[in-house]
Amino acid sequence: MLINVAFITLLERKILGFSQLRLGPNKPRIYGLAQPGADAIKLFSNQFILLISSNLLYKLSPAISLSIILITWTTINFHQSSMGFEFGVLFFLIILRISIYPLMLMGWGAKNKYTLIGSVRGVAQTISYEISLIFIVLSFLFIFKIISIKQLTSGRKNEIYIFPILLGLWITVILAETNRTPFDFAEGERELVSGFNTEFRSRKFAIIFITEYAAIYLFSFFTEKISIFRFLLLIVFWIWIRATLPRYRYDILMNLNWKILLPISMIIPIWTLIYNKILLINCKTVAGCRPDFLDNYTSA
């Protein structure tokens, strides 16, 4: 995953370069393929200045954040011998919610007002959109009649397009969850200098950077599981959004969730239940039709 994250950053720099009529990185080796390695060497070899006013939480929070993302991968079904397990969706949501704590610790432990303001904004944004995320994931479970991520490969992916608004909500929410354009307020506002990572440099900044792109990689893989979109196309979509859309204002971001996304995401699970009920009734009235998902749906 970490190797893929390195080359995702190279792909992003190339696409952003072409979108702005420039080449992007092209000097290291062939077409800049060694650029991620050069960036890693530079970041990890830079001198790290430790703040006197900082505490232990300031030092450990980047590593904790990366560890949480790595633990989340245990719920993903790569092969038949995957570590994915029953009730993996619940574990997935719990681990993602824990990720707000390192963000809080980064802002509080650095003893810097700009870092603290960026951290508070990031936490408020994540907490707000996680509520909509839970309802959307619940809707996916109702559509696919499953209770674990491991069963997504056997789910009926085509049914997701019966609810196109759900897919649109999912894309919007995960853009906000990963702090990507147009929702990159945790570190994007001019008055915040660099947001929650203002006081982080050298290897600690590199770890924060890797964590953010690892989250993008994770959600892209999860989106591929629930739809027919290919993983590489989803990564390109993430980069295209950054190159195309302007940044929202912070108040518009919060109003978008609480006044629009959250009410809609609360209605969709009811909508999916009604759809499944109608489908089950119609199946019982057709000769020879067996609702093979009934047992799984009842247990779910």
C-alpha atoms as a PDB file:
ATOM      1  CA  MET A   1       0.000   0.000   0.000  1.00  0.00           C
ATOM      2  CA  LEU A   2       2.802   2.421   0.878  1.00  0.00           C
ATOM      3  CA  ILE A   3       4.502   1.794  -2.484  1.00  0.00           C
ATOM      4  CA  ASN A   4       1.238   2.455  -4.292  1.00  0.00           C
ATOM      5  CA  VAL A   5       0.789   5.688  -2.330  1.00  0.00           C
ATOM      6  CA  ALA A   6       4.183   6.867  -3.575  1.00  0.00           C
ATOM      7  CA  PHE A   7       3.248   6.394  -7.201  1.00  0.00           C
ATOM      8  CA  ILE A   8      -0.224   7.872  -6.694  1.00  0.00           C
ATOM      9  CA  THR A   9       1.525  11.113  -5.751  1.00  0.00           C
ATOM     10  CA  LEU A  10       3.563  10.898  -8.979  1.00  0.00           C
ATOM     11  CA  LEU A  11       0.390  10.317 -10.998  1.00  0.00           C
ATOM     12  CA  GLU A  12      -1.243  13.313  -9.310  1.00  0.00           C
ATOM     13  CA  ARG A  13       1.685  15.605 -10.079  1.00  0.00           C
ATOM     14  CA  LYS A  14       1.689  14.469 -13.706  1.00  0.00           C
ATOM     15  CA  ILE A  15      -2.053  15.021 -14.185  1.00  0.00           C
ATOM     16  CA  LEU A  16      -1.994  18.382 -12.409  1.00  0.00           C
ATOM     17  CA  GLY A  17       0.958  19.367 -14.591  1.00  0.00           C
ATOM     18  CA  PHE A  18      -0.851  18.497 -17.816  1.00  0.00           C
ATOM     19  CA  SER A  19      -3.999  20.295 -16.616  1.00  0.00           C
ATOM     20  CA  GLN A  20      -1.897  23.462 -16.201  1.00  0.00           C
ATOM     21  CA  LEU A  21       0.017  23.010 -19.498  1.00  0.00           C
ATOM     22  CA  ARG A  22       3.298  21.985 -17.873  1.00  0.00           C
ATOM     23  CA  LEU A  23       5.236  18.716 -17.729  1.00  0.00           C
ATOM     24  CA  GLY A  24       5.377  17.948 -14.038  1.00  0.00           C
ATOM     25  CA  PRO A  25       8.329  15.975 -12.607  1.00  0.00           C
ATOM     26  CA  ASN A  26      10.399  14.482 -15.445  1.00  0.00           C
ATOM     27  CA  LYS A  27      14.080  14.674 -14.403  1.00  0.00           C
ATOM     28  CA  PRO A  28      14.706  11.678 -12.057  1.00  0.00           C
ATOM     29  CA  ARG A  29      15.242   8.623 -14.264  1.00  0.00           C
ATOM     30  CA  ILE A  30      12.754   7.949 -17.062  1.00  0.00           C
ATOM     31  CA  TYR A  31       9.817  10.410 -17.168  1.00  0.00           C
ATOM     32  CA  GLY A  32      10.287  11.129 -13.475  1.00  0.00           C
ATOM     33  CA  LEU A  33       9.552   7.573 -12.298  1.00  0.00           C
ATOM     34  CA  ALA A  34      12.136   7.918  -9.526  1.00  0.00           C
ATOM     35  CA  GLN A  35      10.575  11.148  -8.235  1.00  0.00           C
ATOM     36  CA  PRO A  36       8.675   9.472  -5.320  1.00  0.00           C
ATOM     37  CA  GLY A  37      11.943   7.939  -4.109  1.00  0.00           C
ATOM     38  CA  ALA A  38      13.734  11.278  -4.391  1.00  0.00           C
ATOM     39  CA  ASP A  39      10.954  12.986  -2.444  1.00  0.00           C
ATOM     40  CA  ALA A  40      11.106  10.339   0.282  1.00  0.00           C
ATOM     41  CA  ILE A  41      14.873  10.658   0.644  1.00  0.00           C
ATOM     42  CA  LYS A  42      14.617  14.433   0.841  1.00  0.00           C
ATOM     43  CA  LEU A  43      11.814  14.444   3.415  1.00  0.00           C
ATOM     44  CA  PHE A  44      13.281  11.784   5.694  1.00  0.00           C
ATOM     45  CA  SER A  45      16.796  13.239   5.552  1.00  0.00           C
ATOM     46  CA  ASN A  46      15.800  16.816   6.388  1.00  0.00           C
ATOM     47  CA  GLN A  47      16.706  18.101   9.817  1.00  0.00           C
ATOM     48  CA  PHE A  48      13.869  17.748  12.293  1.00  0.00           C
ATOM     49  CA  ILE A  49      13.488  20.617  14.749  1.00  0.00           C
ATOM     50  CA  LEU A  50      11.713  19.543  17.932  1.00  0.00           C
ATOM     51  CA  LEU A  51       9.581  22.183  19.606  1.00  0.00           C
ATOM     52  CA  ILE A  52      10.454  22.799  23.242  1.00  0.00           C
ATOM     53  CA  SER A  53       6.804  23.491  24.086  1.00  0.00           C
ATOM     54  CA  SER A  54       5.571  20.250  22.480  1.00  0.00           C
ATOM     55  CA  ASN A  55       4.802  17.045  24.360  1.00  0.00           C
ATOM     56  CA  LEU A  56       4.855  13.303  23.739  1.00  0.00           C
ATOM     57  CA  LEU A  57       1.479  13.355  21.962  1.00  0.00           C
ATOM     58  CA  TYR A  58       2.905  15.776  19.410  1.00  0.00           C
ATOM     59  CA  LYS A  59       5.691  13.304  18.645  1.00  0.00           C
ATOM     60  CA  LEU A  60       3.508  10.186  18.407  1.00  0.00           C
ATOM     61  CA  SER A  61       0.344  11.478  16.689  1.00  0.00           C
ATOM     62  CA  PRO A  62       1.581  11.131  13.043  1.00  0.00           C
ATOM     63  CA  ALA A  63       2.595   7.506  13.642  1.00  0.00           C
ATOM     64  CA  ILE A  64      -0.724   6.783  15.376  1.00  0.00           C
ATOM     65  CA  SER A  65      -2.617   8.247  12.417  1.00  0.00           C
ATOM     66  CA  LEU A  66      -0.753   6.067   9.909  1.00  0.00           C
ATOM     67  CA  SER A  67      -1.206   2.973  12.082  1.00  0.00           C
ATOM     68  CA  ILE A  68      -4.982   3.487  12.136  1.00  0.00           C
ATOM     69  CA  ILE A  69      -5.159   3.552   8.339  1.00  0.00           C
ATOM     70  CA  LEU A  70      -3.017   0.407   8.111  1.00  0.00           C
ATOM     71  CA  ILE A  71      -5.238  -1.402  10.626  1.00  0.00           C
ATOM     72  CA  THR A  72      -8.312  -0.504   8.563  1.00  0.00           C
ATOM     73  CA  TRP A  73      -6.914  -2.560   5.680  1.00  0.00           C
ATOM     74  CA  THR A  74      -7.556  -5.744   7.654  1.00  0.00           C
ATOM     75  CA  THR A  75     -11.233  -5.440   6.687  1.00  0.00           C
ATOM     76  CA  ILE A  76     -10.551  -5.473   2.936  1.00  0.00           C
ATOM     77  CA  ASN A  77     -10.982  -8.691   0.951  1.00  0.00           C
ATOM     78  CA  PHE A  78      -8.044  -8.952  -1.486  1.00  0.00           C
ATOM     79  CA  HIS A  79      -8.107 -12.692  -2.103  1.00  0.00           C
ATOM     80  CA  GLN A  80      -9.995 -15.725  -0.869  1.00  0.00           C
ATOM     81  CA  SER A  81      -7.459 -16.035   1.951  1.00  0.00           C
ATOM     82  CA  SER A  82      -8.151 -12.444   3.003  1.00  0.00           C
ATOM     83  CA  MET A  83      -8.079 -11.133   6.547  1.00  0.00           C
ATOM     84  CA  GLY A  84     -11.594  -9.801   5.996  1.00  0.00           C
ATOM     85  CA  PHE A  85     -13.948 -11.068   8.682  1.00  0.00           C
ATOM     86  CA  GLU A  86     -17.586 -11.068   9.686  1.00  0.00           C
ATOM     87  CA  PHE A  87     -18.958  -7.727  10.883  1.00  0.00           C
ATOM     88  CA  GLY A  88     -15.988  -6.084   9.152  1.00  0.00           C
ATOM     89  CA  VAL A  89     -18.170  -3.086   8.294  1.00  0.00           C
ATOM     90  CA  LEU A  90     -18.627  -2.290  11.981  1.00  0.00           C
ATOM     91  CA  PHE A  91     -14.877  -2.609  12.566  1.00  0.00           C
ATOM     92  CA  PHE A  92     -14.232  -0.410   9.510  1.00  0.00           C
ATOM     93  CA  LEU A  93     -16.447   2.383  10.852  1.00  0.00           C
ATOM     94  CA  ILE A  94     -15.036   2.173  14.382  1.00  0.00           C
ATOM     95  CA  ILE A  95     -11.421   2.400  13.227  1.00  0.00           C
ATOM     96  CA  LEU A  96     -12.203   5.320  10.923  1.00  0.00           C
ATOM     97  CA  ARG A  97     -13.814   7.194  13.832  1.00  0.00           C
ATOM     98  CA  ILE A  98     -10.720   6.722  15.962  1.00  0.00           C
ATOM     99  CA  SER A  99      -8.754   8.601  13.289  1.00  0.00           C
ATOM    100  CA  ILE A 100     -10.032  11.942  14.586  1.00  0.00           C
ATOM    101  CA  TYR A 101      -8.038  11.547  17.806  1.00  0.00           C
ATOM    102  CA  PRO A 102      -4.563  11.829  16.210  1.00  0.00           C
ATOM    103  CA  LEU A 103      -5.847  14.925  14.404  1.00  0.00           C
ATOM    104  CA  MET A 104      -6.878  16.415  17.754  1.00  0.00           C
ATOM    105  CA  LEU A 105      -3.532  15.502  19.296  1.00  0.00           C
ATOM    106  CA  MET A 106      -1.594  17.140  16.453  1.00  0.00           C
ATOM    107  CA  GLY A 107      -3.309  20.451  17.042  1.00  0.00           C
ATOM    108  CA  TRP A 108      -3.214  20.346  20.831  1.00  0.00           C
ATOM    109  CA  GLY A 109       0.273  18.887  21.262  1.00  0.00           C
ATOM    110  CA  ALA A 110       2.095  21.381  19.031  1.00  0.00           C
ATOM    111  CA  LYS A 111       1.077  24.326  21.272  1.00  0.00           C
ATOM    112  CA  ASN A 112       0.498  26.548  18.223  1.00  0.00           C
ATOM    113  CA  LYS A 113      -2.714  28.489  17.619  1.00  0.00           C
ATOM    114  CA  TYR A 114      -2.659  27.972  13.843  1.00  0.00           C
ATOM    115  CA  THR A 115      -2.175  24.246  14.287  1.00  0.00           C
ATOM    116  CA  LEU A 116      -4.965  24.143  16.870  1.00  0.00           C
ATOM    117  CA  ILE A 117      -7.452  26.040  14.652  1.00  0.00           C
ATOM    118  CA  GLY A 118      -6.683  23.753  11.706  1.00  0.00           C
ATOM    119  CA  SER A 119      -7.115  20.716  13.916  1.00  0.00           C
ATOM    120  CA  VAL A 120     -10.460  21.927  15.270  1.00  0.00           C
ATOM    121  CA  ARG A 121     -11.735  22.582  11.752  1.00  0.00           C
ATOM    122  CA  GLY A 122     -10.615  19.150  10.591  1.00  0.00           C
ATOM    123  CA  VAL A 123     -12.244  17.396  13.549  1.00  0.00           C
ATOM    124  CA  ALA A 124     -15.519  19.305  13.126  1.00  0.00           C
ATOM    125  CA  GLN A 125     -15.597  18.449   9.422  1.00  0.00           C
ATOM    126  CA  THR A 126     -14.851  14.765   9.999  1.00  0.00           C
ATOM    127  CA  ILE A 127     -17.397  14.359  12.796  1.00  0.00           C
ATOM    128  CA  SER A 128     -20.091  16.098  10.733  1.00  0.00           C
ATOM    129  CA  TYR A 129     -19.635  13.968   7.637  1.00  0.00           C
ATOM    130  CA  GLU A 130     -19.129  10.697   9.487  1.00  0.00           C
ATOM    131  CA  ILE A 131     -22.827  10.698  10.436  1.00  0.00           C
ATOM    132  CA  SER A 132     -23.851  10.822   6.782  1.00  0.00           C
ATOM    133  CA  LEU A 133     -21.208   8.193   6.009  1.00  0.00           C
ATOM    134  CA  ILE A 134     -22.745   5.748   8.494  1.00  0.00           C
ATOM    135  CA  PHE A 135     -26.215   6.082   6.950  1.00  0.00           C
ATOM    136  CA  ILE A 136     -24.779   5.645   3.450  1.00  0.00           C
ATOM    137  CA  VAL A 137     -22.854   2.508   4.447  1.00  0.00           C
ATOM    138  CA  LEU A 138     -26.046   1.208   6.065  1.00  0.00           C
ATOM    139  CA  SER A 139     -27.833   1.728   2.746  1.00  0.00           C
ATOM    140  CA  PHE A 140     -25.154  -0.278   0.952  1.00  0.00           C
ATOM    141  CA  LEU A 141     -25.684  -3.150   3.385  1.00  0.00           C
ATOM    142  CA  PHE A 142     -29.433  -3.095   2.701  1.00  0.00           C
ATOM    143  CA  ILE A 143     -28.876  -3.077  -1.074  1.00  0.00           C
ATOM    144  CA  PHE A 144     -26.324  -5.910  -1.164  1.00  0.00           C
ATOM    145  CA  LYS A 145     -27.952  -7.874   1.711  1.00  0.00           C
ATOM    146  CA  ILE A 146     -24.613  -8.377   3.448  1.00  0.00           C
ATOM    147  CA  ILE A 147     -23.133  -7.687   6.866  1.00  0.00           C
ATOM    148  CA  SER A 148     -19.383  -7.727   6.110  1.00  0.00           C
ATOM    149  CA  ILE A 149     -17.003  -6.185   3.601  1.00  0.00           C
ATOM    150  CA  LYS A 150     -15.725  -9.674   2.794  1.00  0.00           C
ATOM    151  CA  GLN A 151     -19.047 -10.468   1.078  1.00  0.00           C
ATOM    152  CA  LEU A 152     -18.934  -7.456  -1.244  1.00  0.00           C
ATOM    153  CA  THR A 153     -17.386  -9.448  -4.087  1.00  0.00           C
ATOM    154  CA  SER A 154     -20.503 -11.622  -4.221  1.00  0.00           C
ATOM    155  CA  GLY A 155     -22.870  -8.647  -3.948  1.00  0.00           C
ATOM    156  CA  ARG A 156     -25.061  -7.563  -6.840  1.00  0.00           C
ATOM    157  CA  LYS A 157     -23.113  -4.470  -7.864  1.00  0.00           C
ATOM    158  CA  ASN A 158     -25.476  -3.520 -10.674  1.00  0.00           C
ATOM    159  CA  GLU A 159     -28.199  -2.763  -8.160  1.00  0.00           C
ATOM    160  CA  ILE A 160     -26.266   0.253  -6.930  1.00  0.00           C
ATOM    161  CA  TYR A 161     -27.285   2.086 -10.100  1.00  0.00           C
ATOM    162  CA  ILE A 162     -30.940   1.801  -9.122  1.00  0.00           C
ATOM    163  CA  PHE A 163     -29.973   4.344  -6.461  1.00  0.00           C
ATOM    164  CA  PRO A 164     -27.693   6.761  -8.373  1.00  0.00           C
ATOM    165  CA  ILE A 165     -28.107   9.475  -5.756  1.00  0.00           C
ATOM    166  CA  LEU A 166     -26.548   7.132  -3.184  1.00  0.00           C
ATOM    167  CA  LEU A 167     -23.381   6.801  -5.259  1.00  0.00           C
ATOM    168  CA  GLY A 168     -23.212  10.584  -5.628  1.00  0.00           C
ATOM    169  CA  LEU A 169     -23.596  11.027  -1.870  1.00  0.00           C
ATOM    170  CA  TRP A 170     -20.873   8.457  -1.232  1.00  0.00           C
ATOM    171  CA  ILE A 171     -18.397  10.263  -3.513  1.00  0.00           C
ATOM    172  CA  THR A 172     -19.180  13.623  -1.870  1.00  0.00           C
ATOM    173  CA  VAL A 173     -18.832  12.293   1.670  1.00  0.00           C
ATOM    174  CA  ILE A 174     -15.535  10.492   1.086  1.00  0.00           C
ATOM    175  CA  LEU A 175     -14.107  13.627  -0.541  1.00  0.00           C
ATOM    176  CA  ALA A 176     -14.920  15.443   2.689  1.00  0.00           C
ATOM    177  CA  GLU A 177     -13.650  12.556   4.838  1.00  0.00           C
ATOM    178  CA  THR A 178     -10.270  12.570   3.074  1.00  0.00           C
ATOM    179  CA  ASN A 179      -9.971  16.389   3.165  1.00  0.00           C
ATOM    180  CA  ARG A 180      -9.702  16.663  -0.602  1.00  0.00           C
ATOM    181  CA  THR A 181     -10.682  19.528  -2.878  1.00  0.00           C
ATOM    182  CA  PRO A 182     -13.207  21.164  -2.696  1.00  0.00           C
ATOM    183  CA  PHE A 183     -13.320  20.261   1.030  1.00  0.00           C
ATOM    184  CA  ASP A 184      -9.633  20.653   2.006  1.00  0.00           C
ATOM    185  CA  PHE A 185     -10.144  23.146   4.825  1.00  0.00           C
ATOM    186  CA  ALA A 186      -8.068  21.459   7.515  1.00  0.00           C
ATOM    187  CA  GLU A 187      -4.900  22.666   5.804  1.00  0.00           C
ATOM    188  CA  GLY A 188      -6.091  24.877   2.967  1.00  0.00           C
ATOM    189  CA  GLU A 189      -7.178  28.182   4.487  1.00  0.00           C
ATOM    190  CA  ARG A 190      -4.766  31.051   4.001  1.00  0.00           C
ATOM    191  CA  GLU A 191      -5.095  32.322   7.558  1.00  0.00           C
ATOM    192  CA  LEU A 192      -4.148  28.877   8.929  1.00  0.00           C
ATOM    193  CA  VAL A 193      -0.716  28.932   7.206  1.00  0.00           C
ATOM    194  CA  SER A 194      -0.690  25.155   6.753  1.00  0.00           C
ATOM    195  CA  GLY A 195      -3.428  24.022   9.092  1.00  0.00           C
ATOM    196  CA  PHE A 196      -2.899  21.228  11.593  1.00  0.00           C
ATOM    197  CA  ASN A 197       0.533  20.325  10.169  1.00  0.00           C
ATOM    198  CA  THR A 198       2.038  23.805  10.511  1.00  0.00           C
ATOM    199  CA  GLU A 199       4.593  22.652  13.099  1.00  0.00           C
ATOM    200  CA  PHE A 200       5.346  19.311  11.439  1.00  0.00           C
ATOM    201  CA  ARG A 201       8.306  18.917   9.127  1.00  0.00           C
ATOM    202  CA  SER A 202      10.809  16.356   7.905  1.00  0.00           C
ATOM    203  CA  ARG A 203       9.805  12.725   8.567  1.00  0.00           C
ATOM    204  CA  LYS A 204       6.720  13.641  10.627  1.00  0.00           C
ATOM    205  CA  PHE A 205       5.316  15.693   7.749  1.00  0.00           C
ATOM    206  CA  ALA A 206       6.097  12.779   5.407  1.00  0.00           C
ATOM    207  CA  ILE A 207       4.121  10.396   7.631  1.00  0.00           C
ATOM    208  CA  ILE A 208       1.111  12.773   7.669  1.00  0.00           C
ATOM    209  CA  PHE A 209       1.384  13.087   3.887  1.00  0.00           C
ATOM    210  CA  ILE A 210       1.473   9.296   3.450  1.00  0.00           C
ATOM    211  CA  THR A 211      -1.532   8.900   5.767  1.00  0.00           C
ATOM    212  CA  GLU A 212      -3.693  11.267   3.712  1.00  0.00           C
ATOM    213  CA  TYR A 213      -2.948   9.479   0.448  1.00  0.00           C
ATOM    214  CA  ALA A 214      -3.345   6.079   2.093  1.00  0.00           C
ATOM    215  CA  ALA A 215      -6.889   7.131   3.051  1.00  0.00           C
ATOM    216  CA  ILE A 216      -7.564   8.042  -0.585  1.00  0.00           C
ATOM    217  CA  TYR A 217      -6.213   4.645  -1.658  1.00  0.00           C
ATOM    218  CA  LEU A 218      -8.430   2.920   0.926  1.00  0.00           C
ATOM    219  CA  PHE A 219     -11.658   4.659  -0.072  1.00  0.00           C
ATOM    220  CA  SER A 220     -10.914   4.150  -3.777  1.00  0.00           C
ATOM    221  CA  PHE A 221     -10.504   0.426  -3.184  1.00  0.00           C
ATOM    222  CA  PHE A 222     -13.719   0.329  -1.141  1.00  0.00           C
ATOM    223  CA  THR A 223     -15.582   2.224  -3.887  1.00  0.00           C
ATOM    224  CA  GLU A 224     -14.371  -0.317  -6.445  1.00  0.00           C
ATOM    225  CA  LYS A 225     -15.850  -3.054  -4.255  1.00  0.00           C
ATOM    226  CA  ILE A 226     -19.323  -1.520  -4.257  1.00  0.00           C
ATOM    227  CA  SER A 227     -19.413  -0.458  -7.921  1.00  0.00           C
ATOM    228  CA  ILE A 228     -18.084  -1.460 -11.327  1.00  0.00           C
ATOM    229  CA  PHE A 229     -15.676   1.465 -11.515  1.00  0.00           C
ATOM    230  CA  ARG A 230     -12.039   0.462 -11.790  1.00  0.00           C
ATOM    231  CA  PHE A 231      -9.537   1.493  -9.135  1.00  0.00           C
ATOM    232  CA  LEU A 232      -7.240   3.534 -11.409  1.00  0.00           C
ATOM    233  CA  LEU A 233     -10.190   5.485 -12.798  1.00  0.00           C
ATOM    234  CA  LEU A 234     -11.214   6.394  -9.257  1.00  0.00           C
ATOM    235  CA  ILE A 235      -7.714   7.660  -8.451  1.00  0.00           C
ATOM    236  CA  VAL A 236      -7.733   9.773 -11.624  1.00  0.00           C
ATOM    237  CA  PHE A 237     -11.176  11.067 -10.635  1.00  0.00           C
ATOM    238  CA  TRP A 238      -9.803  12.222  -7.254  1.00  0.00           C
ATOM    239  CA  ILE A 239      -7.001  14.115  -9.004  1.00  0.00           C
ATOM    240  CA  TRP A 240      -9.320  15.545 -11.662  1.00  0.00           C
ATOM    241  CA  ILE A 241     -11.566  16.948  -8.938  1.00  0.00           C
ATOM    242  CA  ARG A 242      -8.584  18.735  -7.393  1.00  0.00           C
ATOM    243  CA  ALA A 243      -7.565  20.208 -10.753  1.00  0.00           C
ATOM    244  CA  THR A 244     -11.092  21.328 -11.629  1.00  0.00           C
ATOM    245  CA  LEU A 245     -13.168  22.484  -8.657  1.00  0.00           C
ATOM    246  CA  PRO A 246     -12.567  25.557  -6.480  1.00  0.00           C
ATOM    247  CA  ARG A 247     -12.482  25.342  -2.698  1.00  0.00           C
ATOM    248  CA  TYR A 248     -15.738  25.921  -0.773  1.00  0.00           C
ATOM    249  CA  ARG A 249     -16.083  28.249   2.152  1.00  0.00           C
ATOM    250  CA  TYR A 250     -16.065  26.487   5.501  1.00  0.00           C
ATOM    251  CA  ASP A 251     -19.603  27.555   6.411  1.00  0.00           C
ATOM    252  CA  ILE A 252     -20.904  26.277   3.065  1.00  0.00           C
ATOM    253  CA  LEU A 253     -19.207  22.948   3.759  1.00  0.00           C
ATOM    254  CA  MET A 254     -20.960  22.540   7.120  1.00  0.00           C
ATOM    255  CA  ASN A 255     -24.348  23.694   5.792  1.00  0.00           C
ATOM    256  CA  LEU A 256     -24.046  21.269   2.868  1.00  0.00           C
ATOM    257  CA  ASN A 257     -23.827  18.347   5.265  1.00  0.00           C
ATOM    258  CA  TRP A 258     -26.336  19.306   7.964  1.00  0.00           C
ATOM    259  CA  LYS A 259     -29.006  20.785   5.671  1.00  0.00           C
ATOM    260  CA  ILE A 260     -28.715  18.642   2.513  1.00  0.00           C
ATOM    261  CA  LEU A 261     -26.550  15.506   2.725  1.00  0.00           C
ATOM    262  CA  LEU A 262     -27.604  14.315   6.180  1.00  0.00           C
ATOM    263  CA  PRO A 263     -31.420  14.509   5.596  1.00  0.00           C
ATOM    264  CA  ILE A 264     -31.062  12.717   2.250  1.00  0.00           C
ATOM    265  CA  SER A 265     -28.752  10.041   3.671  1.00  0.00           C
ATOM    266  CA  MET A 266     -31.266   9.366   6.482  1.00  0.00           C
ATOM    267  CA  ILE A 267     -34.067   8.810   3.962  1.00  0.00           C
ATOM    268  CA  ILE A 268     -32.153   6.486   1.618  1.00  0.00           C
ATOM    269  CA  PRO A 269     -31.950   3.483   4.044  1.00  0.00           C
ATOM    270  CA  ILE A 270     -35.762   3.565   4.286  1.00  0.00           C
ATOM    271  CA  TRP A 271     -35.956   3.773   0.505  1.00  0.00           C
ATOM    272  CA  THR A 272     -33.698   0.719   0.098  1.00  0.00           C
ATOM    273  CA  LEU A 273     -35.743  -1.267   2.617  1.00  0.00           C
ATOM    274  CA  ILE A 274     -38.949  -0.503   0.705  1.00  0.00           C
ATOM    275  CA  TYR A 275     -37.252  -1.535  -2.551  1.00  0.00           C
ATOM    276  CA  ASN A 276     -36.098  -4.838  -1.038  1.00  0.00           C
ATOM    277  CA  LYS A 277     -39.562  -5.514   0.368  1.00  0.00           C
ATOM    278  CA  ILE A 278     -41.203  -4.938  -3.024  1.00  0.00           C
ATOM    279  CA  LEU A 279     -38.562  -7.128  -4.683  1.00  0.00           C
ATOM    280  CA  LEU A 280     -39.196  -9.903  -2.165  1.00  0.00           C
ATOM    281  CA  ILE A 281     -42.993  -9.731  -2.646  1.00  0.00           C
ATOM    282  CA  ASN A 282     -42.646  -9.830  -6.439  1.00  0.00           C
ATOM    283  CA  CYS A 283     -40.273 -12.787  -6.187  1.00  0.00           C
ATOM    284  CA  LYS A 284     -42.777 -14.756  -4.132  1.00  0.00           C
ATOM    285  CA  THR A 285     -45.525 -14.168  -6.702  1.00  0.00           C
ATOM    286  CA  VAL A 286     -43.439 -15.476  -9.613  1.00  0.00           C
ATOM    287  CA  ALA A 287     -43.394 -19.221 -10.164  1.00  0.00           C
ATOM    288  CA  GLY A 288     -39.972 -20.758  -9.657  1.00  0.00           C
ATOM    289  CA  CYS A 289     -38.465 -17.622  -8.126  1.00  0.00           C
ATOM    290  CA  ARG A 290     -36.452 -18.280  -4.977  1.00  0.00           C
ATOM    291  CA  PRO A 291     -35.284 -15.308  -2.895  1.00  0.00           C
ATOM    292  CA  ASP A 292     -31.875 -16.777  -2.131  1.00  0.00           C
ATOM    293  CA  PHE A 293     -30.876 -13.668  -0.226  1.00  0.00           C
ATOM    294  CA  LEU A 294     -33.676 -14.063   2.342  1.00  0.00           C
ATOM    295  CA  ASP A 295     -31.576 -15.855   4.966  1.00  0.00           C
ATOM    296  CA  ASN A 296     -28.676 -13.401   4.695  1.00  0.00           C
ATOM    297  CA  TYR A 297     -31.042 -10.435   4.680  1.00  0.00           C
ATOM    298  CA  THR A 298     -32.861 -11.679   7.782  1.00  0.00           C
ATOM    299  CA  SER A 299     -29.586 -12.165   9.669  1.00  0.00           C
ATOM    300  CA  ALA A 300     -28.437  -8.699   8.570  1.00  0.00           C
END
